[in-house]
Amino acid sequence: MAVVSEVISIAEPWLTKRELTTFFPMGVRTIERCVAEGMPHNRLFGKVVFRVSAVEPWLIEHGHLESCGGTND
């Protein structure tokens, strides 16, 4: 299972706040508030960056995003 995790980690890009807004219906300021609430993020060369695979479950868990359909119902 560790190999799968490493492959996903390599294949999934790090996104900036602005890039993250293209995946979720929220602005940069909302993302900054979510980071203050503990949304998963890292720092890369001083910039805050995100992975969609970490952010999406956090948003659902904290009521910022509603899951409709799929296996999360």
C-alpha atoms as a PDB file:
ATOM      1  CA  MET A   1       0.000   0.000   0.000  1.00  0.00           C
ATOM      2  CA  ALA A   2       2.933   2.372   0.594  1.00  0.00           C
ATOM      3  CA  VAL A   3       3.859   2.146  -3.092  1.00  0.00           C
ATOM      4  CA  VAL A   4       0.361   3.289  -4.104  1.00  0.00           C
ATOM      5  CA  SER A   5       0.582   6.222  -1.697  1.00  0.00           C
ATOM      6  CA  GLU A   6       3.957   7.229  -3.131  1.00  0.00           C
ATOM      7  CA  VAL A   7       2.642   7.038  -6.709  1.00  0.00           C
ATOM      8  CA  ILE A   8      -0.351   9.246  -5.874  1.00  0.00           C
ATOM      9  CA  SER A   9       1.927  11.663  -4.046  1.00  0.00           C
ATOM     10  CA  ILE A  10       4.200  11.993  -7.072  1.00  0.00           C
ATOM     11  CA  ALA A  11       1.379  12.205  -9.651  1.00  0.00           C
ATOM     12  CA  GLU A  12      -0.812  14.737  -7.817  1.00  0.00           C
ATOM     13  CA  PRO A  13       0.439  18.301  -8.186  1.00  0.00           C
ATOM     14  CA  TRP A  14       0.731  20.864  -5.436  1.00  0.00           C
ATOM     15  CA  LEU A  15      -1.733  23.713  -6.038  1.00  0.00           C
ATOM     16  CA  THR A  16      -1.567  27.339  -4.955  1.00  0.00           C
ATOM     17  CA  LYS A  17      -4.559  29.054  -3.343  1.00  0.00           C
ATOM     18  CA  ARG A  18      -5.589  30.532  -6.698  1.00  0.00           C
ATOM     19  CA  GLU A  19      -5.291  27.151  -8.447  1.00  0.00           C
ATOM     20  CA  LEU A  20      -7.354  25.523  -5.692  1.00  0.00           C
ATOM     21  CA  THR A  21     -10.236  27.916  -6.456  1.00  0.00           C
ATOM     22  CA  THR A  22     -10.613  26.209  -9.844  1.00  0.00           C
ATOM     23  CA  PHE A  23     -11.476  22.938  -8.061  1.00  0.00           C
ATOM     24  CA  PHE A  24     -13.818  24.262  -5.381  1.00  0.00           C
ATOM     25  CA  PRO A  25     -16.454  27.054  -5.389  1.00  0.00           C
ATOM     26  CA  MET A  26     -14.609  29.396  -3.024  1.00  0.00           C
ATOM     27  CA  GLY A  27     -12.331  32.388  -3.191  1.00  0.00           C
ATOM     28  CA  VAL A  28      -8.792  32.882  -1.953  1.00  0.00           C
ATOM     29  CA  ARG A  29      -9.946  34.583   1.271  1.00  0.00           C
ATOM     30  CA  THR A  30     -12.199  31.628   2.105  1.00  0.00           C
ATOM     31  CA  ILE A  31      -9.265  29.287   1.531  1.00  0.00           C
ATOM     32  CA  GLU A  32      -7.167  31.420   3.891  1.00  0.00           C
ATOM     33  CA  ARG A  33      -9.895  31.156   6.562  1.00  0.00           C
ATOM     34  CA  CYS A  34     -10.016  27.385   6.074  1.00  0.00           C
ATOM     35  CA  VAL A  35      -6.227  27.185   6.490  1.00  0.00           C
ATOM     36  CA  ALA A  36      -6.622  29.078   9.772  1.00  0.00           C
ATOM     37  CA  GLU A  37      -9.223  26.436  10.783  1.00  0.00           C
ATOM     38  CA  GLY A  38      -6.720  23.661  10.058  1.00  0.00           C
ATOM     39  CA  MET A  39      -7.260  22.715   6.414  1.00  0.00           C
ATOM     40  CA  PRO A  40      -4.397  20.470   5.239  1.00  0.00           C
ATOM     41  CA  HIS A  41      -1.632  22.376   3.467  1.00  0.00           C
ATOM     42  CA  ASN A  42       2.137  22.536   3.142  1.00  0.00           C
ATOM     43  CA  ARG A  43       4.669  25.237   2.416  1.00  0.00           C
ATOM     44  CA  LEU A  44       6.808  24.964  -0.675  1.00  0.00           C
ATOM     45  CA  PHE A  45       9.493  27.636  -1.104  1.00  0.00           C
ATOM     46  CA  GLY A  46       7.480  29.907   1.203  1.00  0.00           C
ATOM     47  CA  LYS A  47       4.162  29.476  -0.645  1.00  0.00           C
ATOM     48  CA  VAL A  48       1.156  27.721   0.854  1.00  0.00           C
ATOM     49  CA  VAL A  49       0.233  24.758  -1.361  1.00  0.00           C
ATOM     50  CA  PHE A  50      -2.485  22.119  -1.324  1.00  0.00           C
ATOM     51  CA  ARG A  51      -3.394  18.687  -2.647  1.00  0.00           C
ATOM     52  CA  VAL A  52      -7.017  18.209  -3.689  1.00  0.00           C
ATOM     53  CA  SER A  53      -6.998  14.663  -2.273  1.00  0.00           C
ATOM     54  CA  ALA A  54      -6.289  16.080   1.214  1.00  0.00           C
ATOM     55  CA  VAL A  55      -8.466  19.184   0.988  1.00  0.00           C
ATOM     56  CA  GLU A  56     -11.688  17.607  -0.320  1.00  0.00           C
ATOM     57  CA  PRO A  57     -12.276  15.233   2.636  1.00  0.00           C
ATOM     58  CA  TRP A  58     -11.443  18.052   5.072  1.00  0.00           C
ATOM     59  CA  LEU A  59     -13.956  20.383   3.412  1.00  0.00           C
ATOM     60  CA  ILE A  60     -16.659  17.701   3.580  1.00  0.00           C
ATOM     61  CA  GLU A  61     -15.874  16.848   7.205  1.00  0.00           C
ATOM     62  CA  HIS A  62     -16.045  20.506   8.255  1.00  0.00           C
ATOM     63  CA  GLY A  63     -19.288  21.236   6.388  1.00  0.00           C
ATOM     64  CA  HIS A  64     -17.776  23.495   3.726  1.00  0.00           C
ATOM     65  CA  LEU A  65     -18.540  21.048   0.905  1.00  0.00           C
ATOM     66  CA  GLU A  66     -21.440  18.665   0.498  1.00  0.00           C
ATOM     67  CA  SER A  67     -20.875  15.201  -0.921  1.00  0.00           C
ATOM     68  CA  CYS A  68     -23.597  14.207  -3.391  1.00  0.00           C
ATOM     69  CA  GLY A  69     -23.559  10.626  -4.647  1.00  0.00           C
ATOM     70  CA  GLY A  70     -20.642   8.273  -4.883  1.00  0.00           C
ATOM     71  CA  THR A  71     -19.342   6.316  -1.916  1.00  0.00           C
ATOM     72  CA  ASN A  72     -19.329   9.246   0.538  1.00  0.00           C
ATOM     73  CA  ASP A  73     -23.140   9.350   0.905  1.00  0.00           C
END
